[in-house]
PDB file of N, CA and C in Angstrom:
ATOM      1  N   MET A   1      25.755  30.803  20.758  1.00  0.00           N
ATOM      2  CA  MET A   1      26.161  29.476  20.339  1.00  0.00           C
ATOM      3  C   MET A   1      26.935  29.621  19.022  1.00  0.00           C
ATOM      4  N   LEU A   2      28.133  29.104  19.003  1.00  0.00           N
ATOM      5  CA  LEU A   2      28.982  29.258  17.829  1.00  0.00           C
ATOM      6  C   LEU A   2      28.825  28.135  16.820  1.00  0.00           C
ATOM      7  N   TRP A   3      28.335  27.022  17.233  1.00  0.00           N
ATOM      8  CA  TRP A   3      28.190  25.905  16.296  1.00  0.00           C
ATOM      9  C   TRP A   3      26.738  25.458  16.249  1.00  0.00           C
ATOM     10  N   LYS A   4      26.408  24.835  15.170  1.00  0.00           N
ATOM     11  CA  LYS A   4      25.042  24.367  14.973  1.00  0.00           C
ATOM     12  C   LYS A   4      25.087  22.850  14.809  1.00  0.00           C
ATOM     13  N   PRO A   5      24.262  22.120  15.516  1.00  0.00           N
ATOM     14  CA  PRO A   5      24.302  20.658  15.374  1.00  0.00           C
ATOM     15  C   PRO A   5      23.856  20.236  13.971  1.00  0.00           C
ATOM     16  N   TYR A   6      24.408  19.113  13.535  1.00  0.00           N
ATOM     17  CA  TYR A   6      24.058  18.594  12.219  1.00  0.00           C
ATOM     18  C   TYR A   6      22.606  18.129  12.198  1.00  0.00           C
ATOM     19  N   ALA A   7      21.984  18.307  11.057  1.00  0.00           N
ATOM     20  CA  ALA A   7      20.609  17.831  10.893  1.00  0.00           C
ATOM     21  C   ALA A   7      20.621  16.311  10.813  1.00  0.00           C
ATOM     22  N   PRO A   8      19.646  15.650  11.406  1.00  0.00           N
ATOM     23  CA  PRO A   8      19.615  14.187  11.354  1.00  0.00           C
ATOM     24  C   PRO A   8      19.340  13.696   9.934  1.00  0.00           C
ATOM     25  N   ILE A   9      19.874  12.532   9.628  1.00  0.00           N
ATOM     26  CA  ILE A   9      19.664  11.915   8.323  1.00  0.00           C
ATOM     27  C   ILE A   9      18.631  10.817   8.499  1.00  0.00           C
ATOM     28  N   TYR A  10      17.482  11.000   7.876  1.00  0.00           N
ATOM     29  CA  TYR A  10      16.398  10.031   7.974  1.00  0.00           C
ATOM     30  C   TYR A  10      16.431   9.097   6.765  1.00  0.00           C
ATOM     31  N   PRO A  11      16.042   7.837   6.939  1.00  0.00           N
ATOM     32  CA  PRO A  11      15.980   6.938   5.780  1.00  0.00           C
ATOM     33  C   PRO A  11      14.852   7.357   4.845  1.00  0.00           C
ATOM     34  N   LYS A  12      15.008   7.030   3.557  1.00  0.00           N
ATOM     35  CA  LYS A  12      13.987   7.380   2.576  1.00  0.00           C
ATOM     36  C   LYS A  12      12.711   6.600   2.854  1.00  0.00           C
ATOM     37  N   LEU A  13      11.590   7.271   2.733  1.00  0.00           N
ATOM     38  CA  LEU A  13      10.300   6.627   2.952  1.00  0.00           C
ATOM     39  C   LEU A  13       9.921   5.748   1.764  1.00  0.00           C
ATOM     40  N   VAL A  14      10.166   6.251   0.552  1.00  0.00           N
ATOM     41  CA  VAL A  14       9.855   5.505  -0.666  1.00  0.00           C
ATOM     42  C   VAL A  14      11.169   5.147  -1.338  1.00  0.00           C
ATOM     43  N   LYS A  15      11.417   3.864  -1.481  1.00  0.00           N
ATOM     44  CA  LYS A  15      12.646   3.404  -2.114  1.00  0.00           C
ATOM     45  C   LYS A  15      12.422   3.262  -3.613  1.00  0.00           C
ATOM     46  N   ASN A  16      13.520   3.305  -4.383  1.00  0.00           N
ATOM     47  CA  ASN A  16      13.408   3.125  -5.834  1.00  0.00           C
ATOM     48  C   ASN A  16      12.895   1.739  -6.171  1.00  0.00           C
ATOM     49  N   ILE A  17      13.356   0.748  -5.427  1.00  0.00           N
ATOM     50  CA  ILE A  17      12.926  -0.632  -5.632  1.00  0.00           C
ATOM     51  C   ILE A  17      12.348  -1.123  -4.311  1.00  0.00           C
ATOM     52  N   ALA A  18      11.091  -1.553  -4.333  1.00  0.00           N
ATOM     53  CA  ALA A  18      10.448  -2.044  -3.111  1.00  0.00           C
ATOM     54  C   ALA A  18      11.100  -3.349  -2.672  1.00  0.00           C
ATOM     55  N   ASP A  19      11.108  -3.594  -1.372  1.00  0.00           N
ATOM     56  CA  ASP A  19      11.719  -4.809  -0.828  1.00  0.00           C
ATOM     57  C   ASP A  19      11.023  -6.044  -1.379  1.00  0.00           C
ATOM     58  N   GLY A  20      11.807  -6.949  -1.942  1.00  0.00           N
ATOM     59  CA  GLY A  20      11.263  -8.201  -2.454  1.00  0.00           C
ATOM     60  C   GLY A  20      10.803  -8.140  -3.894  1.00  0.00           C
ATOM     61  N   LEU A  21      10.956  -7.000  -4.569  1.00  0.00           N
ATOM     62  CA  LEU A  21      10.545  -6.869  -5.964  1.00  0.00           C
ATOM     63  C   LEU A  21      11.714  -6.431  -6.830  1.00  0.00           C
ATOM     64  N   ARG A  22      11.608  -6.732  -8.116  1.00  0.00           N
ATOM     65  CA  ARG A  22      12.577  -6.207  -9.076  1.00  0.00           C
ATOM     66  C   ARG A  22      12.115  -4.818  -9.514  1.00  0.00           C
ATOM     67  N   PHE A  23      12.978  -4.119 -10.246  1.00  0.00           N
ATOM     68  CA  PHE A  23      12.651  -2.766 -10.685  1.00  0.00           C
ATOM     69  C   PHE A  23      11.429  -2.758 -11.599  1.00  0.00           C
ATOM     70  N   GLU A  24      11.356  -3.731 -12.517  1.00  0.00           N
ATOM     71  CA  GLU A  24      10.224  -3.789 -13.451  1.00  0.00           C
ATOM     72  C   GLU A  24       8.912  -4.048 -12.712  1.00  0.00           C
ATOM     73  N   GLU A  25       8.952  -4.929 -11.718  1.00  0.00           N
ATOM     74  CA  GLU A  25       7.747  -5.222 -10.937  1.00  0.00           C
ATOM     75  C   GLU A  25       7.293  -3.998 -10.146  1.00  0.00           C
ATOM     76  N   THR A  26       8.257  -3.266  -9.578  1.00  0.00           N
ATOM     77  CA  THR A  26       7.926  -2.054  -8.828  1.00  0.00           C
ATOM     78  C   THR A  26       7.300  -1.016  -9.746  1.00  0.00           C
ATOM     79  N   LYS A  27       7.862  -0.870 -10.939  1.00  0.00           N
ATOM     80  CA  LYS A  27       7.328   0.087 -11.907  1.00  0.00           C
ATOM     81  C   LYS A  27       5.912  -0.295 -12.324  1.00  0.00           C
ATOM     82  N   GLU A  28       5.669  -1.595 -12.520  1.00  0.00           N
ATOM     83  CA  GLU A  28       4.333  -2.066 -12.882  1.00  0.00           C
ATOM     84  C   GLU A  28       3.334  -1.796 -11.754  1.00  0.00           C
ATOM     85  N   MET A  29       3.751  -2.026 -10.501  1.00  0.00           N
ATOM     86  CA  MET A  29       2.879  -1.763  -9.347  1.00  0.00           C
ATOM     87  C   MET A  29       2.515  -0.282  -9.273  1.00  0.00           C
ATOM     88  N   ARG A  30       3.494   0.592  -9.512  1.00  0.00           N
ATOM     89  CA  ARG A  30       3.231   2.029  -9.474  1.00  0.00           C
ATOM     90  C   ARG A  30       2.228   2.427 -10.550  1.00  0.00           C
ATOM     91  N   ASN A  31       2.414   1.909 -11.762  1.00  0.00           N
ATOM     92  CA  ASN A  31       1.486   2.234 -12.849  1.00  0.00           C
ATOM     93  C   ASN A  31       0.093   1.695 -12.564  1.00  0.00           C
ATOM     94  N   ARG A  32       0.012   0.478 -12.041  1.00  0.00           N
ATOM     95  CA  ARG A  32      -1.284  -0.110 -11.714  1.00  0.00           C
ATOM     96  C   ARG A  32      -1.986   0.709 -10.629  1.00  0.00           C
ATOM     97  N   GLY A  33      -1.227   1.187  -9.650  1.00  0.00           N
ATOM     98  CA  GLY A  33      -1.812   2.000  -8.588  1.00  0.00           C
ATOM     99  C   GLY A  33      -2.290   3.357  -9.077  1.00  0.00           C
ATOM    100  N   LEU A  34      -1.530   3.973  -9.998  1.00  0.00           N
ATOM    101  CA  LEU A  34      -1.934   5.276 -10.517  1.00  0.00           C
ATOM    102  C   LEU A  34      -3.197   5.191 -11.362  1.00  0.00           C
ATOM    103  N   HIS A  35      -3.398   4.074 -12.053  1.00  0.00           N
ATOM    104  CA  HIS A  35      -4.552   3.930 -12.935  1.00  0.00           C
ATOM    105  C   HIS A  35      -5.753   3.301 -12.244  1.00  0.00           C
ATOM    106  N   SER A  36      -5.610   2.901 -10.997  1.00  0.00           N
ATOM    107  CA  SER A  36      -6.746   2.336 -10.267  1.00  0.00           C
ATOM    108  C   SER A  36      -7.576   3.476  -9.666  1.00  0.00           C
ATOM    109  N   PRO A  37      -8.842   3.228  -9.373  1.00  0.00           N
ATOM    110  CA  PRO A  37      -9.649   4.282  -8.731  1.00  0.00           C
ATOM    111  C   PRO A  37      -9.159   4.527  -7.301  1.00  0.00           C
ATOM    112  N   ALA A  38      -9.376   5.730  -6.820  1.00  0.00           N
ATOM    113  CA  ALA A  38      -8.930   6.085  -5.467  1.00  0.00           C
ATOM    114  C   ALA A  38      -9.727   5.302  -4.432  1.00  0.00           C
ATOM    115  N   PHE A  39      -9.024   4.668  -3.518  1.00  0.00           N
ATOM    116  CA  PHE A  39      -9.662   3.890  -2.459  1.00  0.00           C
ATOM    117  C   PHE A  39     -10.317   4.805  -1.432  1.00  0.00           C
ATOM    118  N   MET A  40      -9.604   5.857  -1.045  1.00  0.00           N
ATOM    119  CA  MET A  40     -10.103   6.827  -0.066  1.00  0.00           C
ATOM    120  C   MET A  40      -9.642   8.206  -0.468  1.00  0.00           C
ATOM    121  N   LYS A  41     -10.424   9.199  -0.103  1.00  0.00           N
ATOM    122  CA  LYS A  41     -10.022  10.575  -0.328  1.00  0.00           C
ATOM    123  C   LYS A  41      -9.808  11.232   1.027  1.00  0.00           C
ATOM    124  N   LEU A  42      -8.581  11.656   1.277  1.00  0.00           N
ATOM    125  CA  LEU A  42      -8.242  12.320   2.532  1.00  0.00           C
ATOM    126  C   LEU A  42      -8.208  13.820   2.283  1.00  0.00           C
ATOM    127  N   THR A  43      -8.792  14.596   3.178  1.00  0.00           N
ATOM    128  CA  THR A  43      -8.865  16.041   3.001  1.00  0.00           C
ATOM    129  C   THR A  43      -8.116  16.748   4.121  1.00  0.00           C
ATOM    130  N   ARG A  44      -7.887  18.013   3.904  1.00  0.00           N
ATOM    131  CA  ARG A  44      -7.208  18.819   4.908  1.00  0.00           C
ATOM    132  C   ARG A  44      -8.118  18.972   6.130  1.00  0.00           C
ATOM    133  N   ASN A  45      -7.546  18.919   7.307  1.00  0.00           N
ATOM    134  CA  ASN A  45      -8.257  19.029   8.586  1.00  0.00           C
ATOM    135  C   ASN A  45      -9.309  17.938   8.758  1.00  0.00           C
ATOM    136  N   GLY A  46      -9.085  16.788   8.141  1.00  0.00           N
ATOM    137  CA  GLY A  46     -10.027  15.685   8.276  1.00  0.00           C
ATOM    138  C   GLY A  46      -9.701  14.822   9.481  1.00  0.00           C
ATOM    139  N   VAL A  47     -10.623  13.952   9.826  1.00  0.00           N
ATOM    140  CA  VAL A  47     -10.431  13.014  10.926  1.00  0.00           C
ATOM    141  C   VAL A  47     -10.166  11.649  10.307  1.00  0.00           C
ATOM    142  N   TYR A  48      -9.041  11.045  10.667  1.00  0.00           N
ATOM    143  CA  TYR A  48      -8.614   9.792  10.047  1.00  0.00           C
ATOM    144  C   TYR A  48      -8.680   8.645  11.046  1.00  0.00           C
ATOM    145  N   VAL A  49      -9.808   8.473  11.704  1.00  0.00           N
ATOM    146  CA  VAL A  49      -9.947   7.455  12.738  1.00  0.00           C
ATOM    147  C   VAL A  49      -9.956   6.057  12.137  1.00  0.00           C
ATOM    148  N   ASN A  50     -10.654   5.866  11.045  1.00  0.00           N
ATOM    149  CA  ASN A  50     -10.853   4.526  10.498  1.00  0.00           C
ATOM    150  C   ASN A  50      -9.968   4.210   9.299  1.00  0.00           C
ATOM    151  N   VAL A  51      -8.965   5.007   9.019  1.00  0.00           N
ATOM    152  CA  VAL A  51      -8.133   4.780   7.831  1.00  0.00           C
ATOM    153  C   VAL A  51      -7.369   3.468   7.942  1.00  0.00           C
ATOM    154  N   VAL A  52      -6.768   3.196   9.082  1.00  0.00           N
ATOM    155  CA  VAL A  52      -5.953   1.988   9.242  1.00  0.00           C
ATOM    156  C   VAL A  52      -6.807   0.738   9.067  1.00  0.00           C
ATOM    157  N   ALA A  53      -7.972   0.715   9.681  1.00  0.00           N
ATOM    158  CA  ALA A  53      -8.852  -0.456   9.562  1.00  0.00           C
ATOM    159  C   ALA A  53      -9.319  -0.650   8.126  1.00  0.00           C
ATOM    160  N   ARG A  54      -9.656   0.441   7.451  1.00  0.00           N
ATOM    161  CA  ARG A  54     -10.122   0.321   6.065  1.00  0.00           C
ATOM    162  C   ARG A  54      -9.006  -0.106   5.127  1.00  0.00           C
ATOM    163  N   VAL A  55      -7.777   0.350   5.382  1.00  0.00           N
ATOM    164  CA  VAL A  55      -6.640  -0.065   4.548  1.00  0.00           C
ATOM    165  C   VAL A  55      -6.362  -1.550   4.753  1.00  0.00           C
ATOM    166  N   ARG A  56      -6.423  -2.018   5.990  1.00  0.00           N
ATOM    167  CA  ARG A  56      -6.220  -3.450   6.252  1.00  0.00           C
ATOM    168  C   ARG A  56      -7.275  -4.291   5.542  1.00  0.00           C
ATOM    169  N   GLU A  57      -8.535  -3.845   5.581  1.00  0.00           N
ATOM    170  CA  GLU A  57      -9.603  -4.571   4.894  1.00  0.00           C
ATOM    171  C   GLU A  57      -9.391  -4.575   3.384  1.00  0.00           C
ATOM    172  N   ALA A  58      -8.925  -3.464   2.844  1.00  0.00           N
ATOM    173  CA  ALA A  58      -8.703  -3.384   1.398  1.00  0.00           C
ATOM    174  C   ALA A  58      -7.582  -4.310   0.960  1.00  0.00           C
ATOM    175  N   PHE A  59      -6.567  -4.479   1.794  1.00  0.00           N
ATOM    176  CA  PHE A  59      -5.451  -5.353   1.430  1.00  0.00           C
ATOM    177  C   PHE A  59      -5.831  -6.828   1.460  1.00  0.00           C
ATOM    178  N   GLU A  60      -6.970  -7.168   2.030  1.00  0.00           N
ATOM    179  CA  GLU A  60      -7.431  -8.555   1.971  1.00  0.00           C
ATOM    180  C   GLU A  60      -7.848  -8.934   0.558  1.00  0.00           C
ATOM    181  N   THR A  61      -8.323  -7.958  -0.219  1.00  0.00           N
ATOM    182  CA  THR A  61      -8.794  -8.254  -1.571  1.00  0.00           C
ATOM    183  C   THR A  61      -7.897  -7.683  -2.659  1.00  0.00           C
ATOM    184  N   GLU A  62      -7.211  -6.579  -2.391  1.00  0.00           N
ATOM    185  CA  GLU A  62      -6.404  -5.929  -3.415  1.00  0.00           C
ATOM    186  C   GLU A  62      -4.943  -5.900  -3.005  1.00  0.00           C
ATOM    187  N   GLU A  63      -4.085  -5.861  -4.024  1.00  0.00           N
ATOM    188  CA  GLU A  63      -2.648  -5.855  -3.784  1.00  0.00           C
ATOM    189  C   GLU A  63      -2.098  -4.434  -3.685  1.00  0.00           C
ATOM    190  N   VAL A  64      -2.637  -3.520  -4.498  1.00  0.00           N
ATOM    191  CA  VAL A  64      -2.177  -2.133  -4.541  1.00  0.00           C
ATOM    192  C   VAL A  64      -3.390  -1.221  -4.393  1.00  0.00           C
ATOM    193  N   ILE A  65      -3.275  -0.207  -3.519  1.00  0.00           N
ATOM    194  CA  ILE A  65      -4.365   0.757  -3.380  1.00  0.00           C
ATOM    195  C   ILE A  65      -3.811   2.171  -3.511  1.00  0.00           C
ATOM    196  N   ARG A  66      -4.710   3.099  -3.835  1.00  0.00           N
ATOM    197  CA  ARG A  66      -4.329   4.499  -4.008  1.00  0.00           C
ATOM    198  C   ARG A  66      -5.164   5.357  -3.076  1.00  0.00           C
ATOM    199  N   LEU A  67      -4.491   6.226  -2.332  1.00  0.00           N
ATOM    200  CA  LEU A  67      -5.161   7.192  -1.460  1.00  0.00           C
ATOM    201  C   LEU A  67      -5.035   8.568  -2.095  1.00  0.00           C
ATOM    202  N   ASP A  68      -6.137   9.252  -2.249  1.00  0.00           N
ATOM    203  CA  ASP A  68      -6.155  10.585  -2.842  1.00  0.00           C
ATOM    204  C   ASP A  68      -6.008  11.611  -1.729  1.00  0.00           C
ATOM    205  N   CYS A  69      -4.897  12.324  -1.713  1.00  0.00           N
ATOM    206  CA  CYS A  69      -4.611  13.309  -0.661  1.00  0.00           C
ATOM    207  C   CYS A  69      -4.595  14.723  -1.235  1.00  0.00           C
ATOM    208  N   THR A  70      -5.567  15.047  -2.075  1.00  0.00           N
ATOM    209  CA  THR A  70      -5.618  16.360  -2.698  1.00  0.00           C
ATOM    210  C   THR A  70      -5.776  17.436  -1.632  1.00  0.00           C
ATOM    211  N   HIS A  71      -4.989  18.495  -1.749  1.00  0.00           N
ATOM    212  CA  HIS A  71      -5.005  19.660  -0.856  1.00  0.00           C
ATOM    213  C   HIS A  71      -4.541  19.343   0.561  1.00  0.00           C
ATOM    214  N   VAL A  72      -3.914  18.205   0.780  1.00  0.00           N
ATOM    215  CA  VAL A  72      -3.418  17.882   2.118  1.00  0.00           C
ATOM    216  C   VAL A  72      -2.017  18.438   2.310  1.00  0.00           C
ATOM    217  N   GLY A  73      -1.183  18.357   1.300  1.00  0.00           N
ATOM    218  CA  GLY A  73       0.190  18.820   1.405  1.00  0.00           C
ATOM    219  C   GLY A  73       1.154  17.648   1.396  1.00  0.00           C
ATOM    220  N   THR A  74       2.323  17.862   0.824  1.00  0.00           N
ATOM    221  CA  THR A  74       3.296  16.785   0.663  1.00  0.00           C
ATOM    222  C   THR A  74       3.798  16.263   1.994  1.00  0.00           C
ATOM    223  N   SER A  75       4.125  17.153   2.921  1.00  0.00           N
ATOM    224  CA  SER A  75       4.667  16.696   4.204  1.00  0.00           C
ATOM    225  C   SER A  75       3.629  15.895   4.988  1.00  0.00           C
ATOM    226  N   ASP A  76       2.368  16.311   4.930  1.00  0.00           N
ATOM    227  CA  ASP A  76       1.318  15.561   5.622  1.00  0.00           C
ATOM    228  C   ASP A  76       1.083  14.205   4.965  1.00  0.00           C
ATOM    229  N   CYS A  77       1.182  14.151   3.632  1.00  0.00           N
ATOM    230  CA  CYS A  77       1.049  12.863   2.926  1.00  0.00           C
ATOM    231  C   CYS A  77       2.135  11.897   3.386  1.00  0.00           C
ATOM    232  N   LYS A  78       3.342  12.409   3.532  1.00  0.00           N
ATOM    233  CA  LYS A  78       4.446  11.552   3.966  1.00  0.00           C
ATOM    234  C   LYS A  78       4.248  11.095   5.408  1.00  0.00           C
ATOM    235  N   ARG A  79       3.728  11.952   6.254  1.00  0.00           N
ATOM    236  CA  ARG A  79       3.459  11.558   7.640  1.00  0.00           C
ATOM    237  C   ARG A  79       2.379  10.488   7.704  1.00  0.00           C
ATOM    238  N   ILE A  80       1.332  10.660   6.909  1.00  0.00           N
ATOM    239  CA  ILE A  80       0.243   9.679   6.884  1.00  0.00           C
ATOM    240  C   ILE A  80       0.759   8.332   6.413  1.00  0.00           C
ATOM    241  N   SER A  81       1.563   8.330   5.351  1.00  0.00           N
ATOM    242  CA  SER A  81       2.058   7.048   4.832  1.00  0.00           C
ATOM    243  C   SER A  81       3.062   6.405   5.781  1.00  0.00           C
ATOM    244  N   ALA A  82       3.839   7.206   6.508  1.00  0.00           N
ATOM    245  CA  ALA A  82       4.759   6.635   7.490  1.00  0.00           C
ATOM    246  C   ALA A  82       3.984   5.955   8.617  1.00  0.00           C
ATOM    247  N   LYS A  83       2.892   6.569   9.057  1.00  0.00           N
ATOM    248  CA  LYS A  83       2.057   5.946  10.093  1.00  0.00           C
ATOM    249  C   LYS A  83       1.383   4.688   9.566  1.00  0.00           C
ATOM    250  N   LEU A  84       0.893   4.738   8.320  1.00  0.00           N
ATOM    251  CA  LEU A  84       0.255   3.554   7.738  1.00  0.00           C
ATOM    252  C   LEU A  84       1.256   2.418   7.570  1.00  0.00           C
ATOM    253  N   ARG A  85       2.496   2.760   7.220  1.00  0.00           N
ATOM    254  CA  ARG A  85       3.536   1.742   7.065  1.00  0.00           C
ATOM    255  C   ARG A  85       3.738   0.975   8.365  1.00  0.00           C
ATOM    256  N   ASP A  86       3.640   1.678   9.496  1.00  0.00           N
ATOM    257  CA  ASP A  86       3.848   1.038  10.790  1.00  0.00           C
ATOM    258  C   ASP A  86       2.592   0.346  11.321  1.00  0.00           C
ATOM    259  N   LEU A  87       1.423   0.978  11.163  1.00  0.00           N
ATOM    260  CA  LEU A  87       0.200   0.461  11.773  1.00  0.00           C
ATOM    261  C   LEU A  87      -0.516  -0.587  10.925  1.00  0.00           C
ATOM    262  N   ALA A  88      -0.598  -0.360   9.629  1.00  0.00           N
ATOM    263  CA  ALA A  88      -1.221  -1.333   8.723  1.00  0.00           C
ATOM    264  C   ALA A  88      -0.097  -1.823   7.829  1.00  0.00           C
ATOM    265  N   PRO A  89       0.556  -2.899   8.173  1.00  0.00           N
ATOM    266  CA  PRO A  89       1.790  -3.272   7.477  1.00  0.00           C
ATOM    267  C   PRO A  89       1.644  -3.204   5.958  1.00  0.00           C
ATOM    268  N   CYS A  90       2.275  -2.179   5.382  1.00  0.00           N
ATOM    269  CA  CYS A  90       2.249  -1.987   3.943  1.00  0.00           C
ATOM    270  C   CYS A  90       3.519  -1.249   3.539  1.00  0.00           C
ATOM    271  N   VAL A  91       3.738  -1.166   2.229  1.00  0.00           N
ATOM    272  CA  VAL A  91       4.928  -0.516   1.696  1.00  0.00           C
ATOM    273  C   VAL A  91       4.482   0.640   0.810  1.00  0.00           C
ATOM    274  N   PRO A  92       4.799   1.888   1.170  1.00  0.00           N
ATOM    275  CA  PRO A  92       4.496   2.998   0.259  1.00  0.00           C
ATOM    276  C   PRO A  92       5.459   2.948  -0.924  1.00  0.00           C
ATOM    277  N   ILE A  93       4.916   2.931  -2.148  1.00  0.00           N
ATOM    278  CA  ILE A  93       5.788   2.812  -3.316  1.00  0.00           C
ATOM    279  C   ILE A  93       5.793   4.051  -4.194  1.00  0.00           C
ATOM    280  N   LEU A  94       4.904   5.029  -3.936  1.00  0.00           N
ATOM    281  CA  LEU A  94       4.913   6.228  -4.778  1.00  0.00           C
ATOM    282  C   LEU A  94       4.148   7.373  -4.120  1.00  0.00           C
ATOM    283  N   PHE A  95       4.711   8.582  -4.246  1.00  0.00           N
ATOM    284  CA  PHE A  95       4.028   9.838  -3.939  1.00  0.00           C
ATOM    285  C   PHE A  95       4.080  10.654  -5.214  1.00  0.00           C
ATOM    286  N   GLU A  96       2.942  10.927  -5.802  1.00  0.00           N
ATOM    287  CA  GLU A  96       2.936  11.723  -7.020  1.00  0.00           C
ATOM    288  C   GLU A  96       1.612  12.462  -7.118  1.00  0.00           C
ATOM    289  N   ASP A  97       1.675  13.764  -7.381  1.00  0.00           N
ATOM    290  CA  ASP A  97       0.483  14.602  -7.528  1.00  0.00           C
ATOM    291  C   ASP A  97      -0.477  14.423  -6.353  1.00  0.00           C
ATOM    292  N   GLU A  98       0.066  14.431  -5.155  1.00  0.00           N
ATOM    293  CA  GLU A  98      -0.708  14.265  -3.920  1.00  0.00           C
ATOM    294  C   GLU A  98      -1.507  12.965  -3.909  1.00  0.00           C
ATOM    295  N   GLN A  99      -0.909  11.919  -4.417  1.00  0.00           N
ATOM    296  CA  GLN A  99      -1.482  10.576  -4.387  1.00  0.00           C
ATOM    297  C   GLN A  99      -0.499   9.681  -3.637  1.00  0.00           C
ATOM    298  N   ILE A 100      -1.010   8.789  -2.814  1.00  0.00           N
ATOM    299  CA  ILE A 100      -0.176   7.804  -2.125  1.00  0.00           C
ATOM    300  C   ILE A 100      -0.541   6.438  -2.688  1.00  0.00           C
ATOM    301  N   ILE A 101       0.463   5.723  -3.193  1.00  0.00           N
ATOM    302  CA  ILE A 101       0.259   4.367  -3.688  1.00  0.00           C
ATOM    303  C   ILE A 101       0.876   3.421  -2.666  1.00  0.00           C
ATOM    304  N   LEU A 102       0.073   2.487  -2.147  1.00  0.00           N
ATOM    305  CA  LEU A 102       0.513   1.542  -1.122  1.00  0.00           C
ATOM    306  C   LEU A 102       0.431   0.119  -1.656  1.00  0.00           C
ATOM    307  N   TRP A 103       1.447  -0.667  -1.361  1.00  0.00           N
ATOM    308  CA  TRP A 103       1.491  -2.080  -1.720  1.00  0.00           C
ATOM    309  C   TRP A 103       1.424  -2.881  -0.430  1.00  0.00           C
ATOM    310  N   ARG A 104       0.695  -3.979  -0.434  1.00  0.00           N
ATOM    311  CA  ARG A 104       0.502  -4.725   0.814  1.00  0.00           C
ATOM    312  C   ARG A 104       1.752  -5.455   1.278  1.00  0.00           C
ATOM    313  N   GLY A 105       2.702  -5.659   0.427  1.00  0.00           N
ATOM    314  CA  GLY A 105       3.964  -6.260   0.825  1.00  0.00           C
ATOM    315  C   GLY A 105       4.057  -7.729   0.493  1.00  0.00           C
ATOM    316  N   LYS A 106       5.258  -8.241   0.558  1.00  0.00           N
ATOM    317  CA  LYS A 106       5.530  -9.631   0.205  1.00  0.00           C
ATOM    318  C   LYS A 106       5.032 -10.588   1.276  1.00  0.00           C
ATOM    319  N   ARG A 107       5.046 -10.177   2.538  1.00  0.00           N
ATOM    320  CA  ARG A 107       4.696 -11.093   3.630  1.00  0.00           C
ATOM    321  C   ARG A 107       3.248 -11.567   3.552  1.00  0.00           C
ATOM    322  N   ASP A 108       2.329 -10.726   3.055  1.00  0.00           N
ATOM    323  CA  ASP A 108       0.936 -11.150   2.918  1.00  0.00           C
ATOM    324  C   ASP A 108       0.776 -12.146   1.778  1.00  0.00           C
ATOM    325  N   GLN A 109       1.578 -12.015   0.731  1.00  0.00           N
ATOM    326  CA  GLN A 109       1.481 -12.937  -0.399  1.00  0.00           C
ATOM    327  C   GLN A 109       1.940 -14.329   0.000  1.00  0.00           C
ATOM    328  N   GLU A 110       2.927 -14.412   0.885  1.00  0.00           N
ATOM    329  CA  GLU A 110       3.437 -15.722   1.302  1.00  0.00           C
ATOM    330  C   GLU A 110       2.430 -16.449   2.188  1.00  0.00           C
ATOM    331  N   ARG A 111       1.628 -15.699   2.964  1.00  0.00           N
ATOM    332  CA  ARG A 111       0.632 -16.319   3.835  1.00  0.00           C
ATOM    333  C   ARG A 111      -0.532 -16.910   3.053  1.00  0.00           C
ATOM    334  N   LEU A 112      -0.904 -16.284   1.938  1.00  0.00           N
ATOM    335  CA  LEU A 112      -2.078 -16.734   1.182  1.00  0.00           C
ATOM    336  C   LEU A 112      -1.870 -18.026   0.485  1.00  0.00           C
TER     337      LEU A 112
END
């Protein structure tokens, strides 16, 4: 084979500015999430059967939650947050030091 197909271009999982927020609000959400206690600790080779249900329950009371993904790996953290974004409607706003910060999104605030 003489040519190699181009690699696909995927959209960014974490945007600089979350949808529906200004830059300052997004920065405040990230700081609040980093300083909050970890909601769940995910480990390598763990079973994540109830993560979606627990995240949905947490978003009923809290606006921003933090998942501790120590020793899981960056690519696995991104896969987990991509699945959570689709299954438990939320917006991932930060990946830092194997931590995932999730925001429940603007649509839940409008319903309340």
